Amino acid sequence: MLLVLGMLSLPATAYVLDDPGTENWIVPVQLLAMAAVGAAVTIALPGLAREGAPTGRRALTGAWWGLAAAFAGVVVSWLLINGLGGA
């Protein structure tokens, strides 16, 4: 689920923030949103963190999972669009 959201988060953020004054905010907002989504998912599904971890630790672990999913989503999207040869 996080990988799919990671793949969709960059185009969705670019769609919302694609104006001349806000185009530099696309990547930071995407990363912040994916960290928040990852934290929320890991709090809701505690199996993604260590067993018995407190809520703050689960949220931090989820934020890292969200950032990893954002990175993986960008890589997968890049490969699907450009192939292995690049742009």
N, C-alpha and C. Protein backbone atom coordinates (compact mmCIF):
# COMPACT_ATOMS: atom_id res chain seq x y z
N MET A 1 0.82 -1.18 0.00
CA MET A 1 0.00 0.00 0.00
C MET A 1 0.88 1.26 0.00
N LEU A 2 1.94 1.25 0.82
CA LEU A 2 2.82 2.41 0.85
C LEU A 2 3.55 2.61 -0.47
N LEU A 3 3.90 1.53 -1.14
CA LEU A 3 4.59 1.65 -2.43
C LEU A 3 3.68 2.30 -3.48
N VAL A 4 2.43 1.89 -3.50
CA VAL A 4 1.47 2.50 -4.44
C VAL A 4 1.28 3.97 -4.12
N LEU A 5 1.15 4.30 -2.84
CA LEU A 5 1.03 5.70 -2.46
C LEU A 5 2.30 6.48 -2.79
N GLY A 6 3.45 5.83 -2.64
CA GLY A 6 4.71 6.48 -3.02
C GLY A 6 4.77 6.78 -4.50
N MET A 7 4.22 5.88 -5.31
CA MET A 7 4.21 6.10 -6.75
C MET A 7 3.24 7.22 -7.15
N LEU A 8 2.14 7.32 -6.42
CA LEU A 8 1.13 8.31 -6.77
C LEU A 8 1.35 9.66 -6.11
N SER A 9 2.18 9.70 -5.08
CA SER A 9 2.31 10.94 -4.31
C SER A 9 3.02 12.05 -5.09
N LEU A 10 4.04 11.72 -5.86
CA LEU A 10 4.75 12.76 -6.61
C LEU A 10 3.87 13.37 -7.71
N PRO A 11 3.20 12.57 -8.54
CA PRO A 11 2.32 13.21 -9.54
C PRO A 11 1.16 13.98 -8.91
N ALA A 12 0.62 13.47 -7.81
CA ALA A 12 -0.49 14.17 -7.15
C ALA A 12 -0.02 15.50 -6.57
N THR A 13 1.14 15.50 -5.96
CA THR A 13 1.69 16.74 -5.40
C THR A 13 2.04 17.72 -6.52
N ALA A 14 2.60 17.22 -7.60
CA ALA A 14 2.93 18.09 -8.73
C ALA A 14 1.67 18.68 -9.35
N TYR A 15 0.60 17.92 -9.39
CA TYR A 15 -0.66 18.43 -9.94
C TYR A 15 -1.19 19.59 -9.10
N VAL A 16 -1.08 19.45 -7.78
CA VAL A 16 -1.60 20.48 -6.88
C VAL A 16 -0.69 21.72 -6.86
N LEU A 17 0.61 21.52 -6.88
CA LEU A 17 1.55 22.63 -6.69
C LEU A 17 2.25 23.07 -7.97
N ASP A 18 1.70 22.80 -9.13
CA ASP A 18 2.36 23.14 -10.38
C ASP A 18 2.00 24.56 -10.83
N ASP A 19 2.49 25.51 -10.08
CA ASP A 19 2.35 26.93 -10.42
C ASP A 19 3.75 27.54 -10.40
N PRO A 20 3.95 28.65 -11.07
CA PRO A 20 5.29 29.25 -11.09
C PRO A 20 5.84 29.58 -9.70
N GLY A 21 5.00 29.94 -8.74
CA GLY A 21 5.49 30.30 -7.43
C GLY A 21 5.66 29.14 -6.46
N THR A 22 5.08 27.99 -6.79
CA THR A 22 5.11 26.87 -5.85
C THR A 22 5.81 25.63 -6.38
N GLU A 23 6.40 25.69 -7.56
CA GLU A 23 6.98 24.49 -8.15
C GLU A 23 8.19 23.97 -7.37
N ASN A 24 8.86 24.82 -6.60
CA ASN A 24 9.99 24.36 -5.81
C ASN A 24 9.56 23.62 -4.54
N TRP A 25 8.29 23.62 -4.24
CA TRP A 25 7.78 22.95 -3.04
C TRP A 25 7.29 21.54 -3.32
N ILE A 26 7.32 21.08 -4.55
CA ILE A 26 6.74 19.79 -4.91
C ILE A 26 7.42 18.65 -4.17
N VAL A 27 8.72 18.54 -4.24
CA VAL A 27 9.44 17.42 -3.61
C VAL A 27 9.38 17.49 -2.08
N PRO A 28 9.61 18.67 -1.45
CA PRO A 28 9.50 18.69 0.01
C PRO A 28 8.11 18.34 0.53
N VAL A 29 7.07 18.81 -0.16
CA VAL A 29 5.70 18.49 0.27
C VAL A 29 5.42 17.01 0.07
N GLN A 30 5.91 16.43 -1.02
CA GLN A 30 5.71 15.00 -1.26
C GLN A 30 6.38 14.17 -0.17
N LEU A 31 7.61 14.52 0.20
CA LEU A 31 8.31 13.78 1.23
C LEU A 31 7.63 13.94 2.59
N LEU A 32 7.19 15.14 2.91
CA LEU A 32 6.49 15.37 4.18
C LEU A 32 5.18 14.60 4.22
N ALA A 33 4.45 14.60 3.12
CA ALA A 33 3.18 13.87 3.06
C ALA A 33 3.40 12.37 3.20
N MET A 34 4.42 11.84 2.53
CA MET A 34 4.68 10.40 2.64
C MET A 34 5.17 10.01 4.02
N ALA A 35 5.93 10.89 4.68
CA ALA A 35 6.34 10.60 6.06
C ALA A 35 5.13 10.57 6.97
N ALA A 36 4.20 11.49 6.77
CA ALA A 36 2.97 11.50 7.58
C ALA A 36 2.10 10.28 7.31
N VAL A 37 1.97 9.91 6.05
CA VAL A 37 1.17 8.72 5.71
C VAL A 37 1.82 7.46 6.26
N GLY A 38 3.13 7.36 6.15
CA GLY A 38 3.84 6.21 6.70
C GLY A 38 3.66 6.11 8.20
N ALA A 39 3.75 7.25 8.90
CA ALA A 39 3.55 7.25 10.35
C ALA A 39 2.13 6.82 10.70
N ALA A 40 1.15 7.32 9.97
CA ALA A 40 -0.24 6.96 10.24
C ALA A 40 -0.49 5.48 9.99
N VAL A 41 0.06 4.96 8.92
CA VAL A 41 -0.14 3.53 8.60
C VAL A 41 0.53 2.66 9.65
N THR A 42 1.72 3.03 10.09
CA THR A 42 2.42 2.20 11.07
C THR A 42 1.79 2.29 12.45
N ILE A 43 1.20 3.42 12.79
CA ILE A 43 0.46 3.50 14.05
C ILE A 43 -0.79 2.64 13.97
N ALA A 44 -1.46 2.66 12.81
CA ALA A 44 -2.67 1.86 12.64
C ALA A 44 -2.36 0.36 12.53
N LEU A 45 -1.24 0.03 11.93
CA LEU A 45 -0.83 -1.37 11.76
C LEU A 45 0.49 -1.59 12.49
N PRO A 46 0.46 -1.89 13.77
CA PRO A 46 1.69 -1.95 14.55
C PRO A 46 2.63 -3.08 14.14
N GLY A 47 2.22 -3.96 13.26
CA GLY A 47 3.09 -5.03 12.80
C GLY A 47 4.24 -4.54 11.94
N LEU A 48 4.20 -3.29 11.49
CA LEU A 48 5.28 -2.73 10.68
C LEU A 48 6.46 -2.26 11.52
N ALA A 49 6.26 -2.16 12.83
CA ALA A 49 7.34 -1.76 13.74
C ALA A 49 7.64 -2.94 14.66
N ARG A 50 8.63 -2.76 15.52
CA ARG A 50 8.98 -3.82 16.46
C ARG A 50 7.83 -4.10 17.41
N GLU A 51 7.73 -5.33 17.83
CA GLU A 51 6.68 -5.73 18.75
C GLU A 51 6.87 -5.03 20.09
N GLY A 52 5.81 -4.44 20.59
CA GLY A 52 5.86 -3.76 21.87
C GLY A 52 6.43 -2.35 21.82
N ALA A 53 6.67 -1.82 20.63
CA ALA A 53 7.23 -0.47 20.51
C ALA A 53 6.18 0.56 20.92
N PRO A 54 6.61 1.62 21.62
CA PRO A 54 5.65 2.67 21.97
C PRO A 54 5.18 3.42 20.73
N THR A 55 4.13 4.20 20.89
CA THR A 55 3.51 4.88 19.76
C THR A 55 4.47 5.82 19.05
N GLY A 56 5.28 6.56 19.81
CA GLY A 56 6.24 7.48 19.18
C GLY A 56 7.26 6.75 18.33
N ARG A 57 7.72 5.61 18.83
CA ARG A 57 8.69 4.81 18.06
C ARG A 57 8.04 4.24 16.80
N ARG A 58 6.77 3.80 16.91
CA ARG A 58 6.06 3.30 15.73
C ARG A 58 5.88 4.42 14.70
N ALA A 59 5.56 5.63 15.16
CA ALA A 59 5.38 6.75 14.24
C ALA A 59 6.69 7.09 13.53
N LEU A 60 7.79 7.08 14.26
CA LEU A 60 9.09 7.37 13.65
C LEU A 60 9.48 6.29 12.64
N THR A 61 9.24 5.04 13.00
CA THR A 61 9.51 3.94 12.07
C THR A 61 8.64 4.06 10.83
N GLY A 62 7.38 4.42 11.03
CA GLY A 62 6.48 4.61 9.90
C GLY A 62 6.88 5.75 9.00
N ALA A 63 7.40 6.83 9.60
CA ALA A 63 7.86 7.95 8.78
C ALA A 63 9.00 7.50 7.87
N TRP A 64 9.91 6.68 8.41
CA TRP A 64 11.01 6.16 7.57
C TRP A 64 10.47 5.23 6.50
N TRP A 65 9.48 4.38 6.84
CA TRP A 65 8.87 3.52 5.83
C TRP A 65 8.22 4.37 4.73
N GLY A 66 7.56 5.46 5.12
CA GLY A 66 6.94 6.34 4.14
C GLY A 66 7.95 6.99 3.22
N LEU A 67 9.07 7.44 3.78
CA LEU A 67 10.12 8.03 2.94
C LEU A 67 10.75 7.00 2.02
N ALA A 68 10.92 5.79 2.51
CA ALA A 68 11.44 4.71 1.65
C ALA A 68 10.47 4.40 0.52
N ALA A 69 9.18 4.40 0.84
CA ALA A 69 8.17 4.14 -0.20
C ALA A 69 8.15 5.27 -1.22
N ALA A 70 8.33 6.51 -0.78
CA ALA A 70 8.37 7.64 -1.72
C ALA A 70 9.55 7.49 -2.67
N PHE A 71 10.71 7.14 -2.13
CA PHE A 71 11.90 6.94 -2.96
C PHE A 71 11.69 5.77 -3.93
N ALA A 72 11.18 4.66 -3.43
CA ALA A 72 10.94 3.49 -4.29
C ALA A 72 9.90 3.80 -5.35
N GLY A 73 8.89 4.56 -4.99
CA GLY A 73 7.86 4.94 -5.96
C GLY A 73 8.41 5.79 -7.08
N VAL A 74 9.30 6.72 -6.73
CA VAL A 74 9.92 7.55 -7.76
C VAL A 74 10.81 6.71 -8.67
N VAL A 75 11.56 5.78 -8.11
CA VAL A 75 12.44 4.92 -8.91
C VAL A 75 11.61 4.04 -9.84
N VAL A 76 10.54 3.44 -9.32
CA VAL A 76 9.69 2.58 -10.15
C VAL A 76 9.03 3.40 -11.25
N SER A 77 8.53 4.57 -10.92
CA SER A 77 7.91 5.43 -11.94
C SER A 77 8.93 5.82 -13.02
N TRP A 78 10.14 6.16 -12.58
CA TRP A 78 11.20 6.53 -13.53
C TRP A 78 11.48 5.37 -14.48
N LEU A 79 11.60 4.17 -13.93
CA LEU A 79 11.89 3.02 -14.78
C LEU A 79 10.73 2.69 -15.72
N LEU A 80 9.51 2.86 -15.26
CA LEU A 80 8.36 2.59 -16.13
C LEU A 80 8.27 3.61 -17.25
N ILE A 81 8.60 4.84 -16.97
CA ILE A 81 8.49 5.90 -17.98
C ILE A 81 9.67 5.87 -18.95
N ASN A 82 10.90 5.74 -18.40
CA ASN A 82 12.11 5.90 -19.22
C ASN A 82 12.80 4.61 -19.58
N GLY A 83 12.50 3.53 -18.90
CA GLY A 83 13.22 2.29 -19.15
C GLY A 83 14.58 2.29 -18.50
N LEU A 84 15.37 1.27 -18.74
CA LEU A 84 16.67 1.17 -18.11
C LEU A 84 17.70 2.09 -18.74
N GLY A 85 17.45 2.56 -19.94
CA GLY A 85 18.40 3.43 -20.62
C GLY A 85 18.40 4.86 -20.12
N GLY A 86 17.38 5.25 -19.39
CA GLY A 86 17.30 6.62 -18.88
C GLY A 86 16.60 7.55 -19.84
N ALA A 87 16.58 8.81 -19.46
CA ALA A 87 15.82 9.80 -20.26
C ALA A 87 16.60 10.23 -21.48
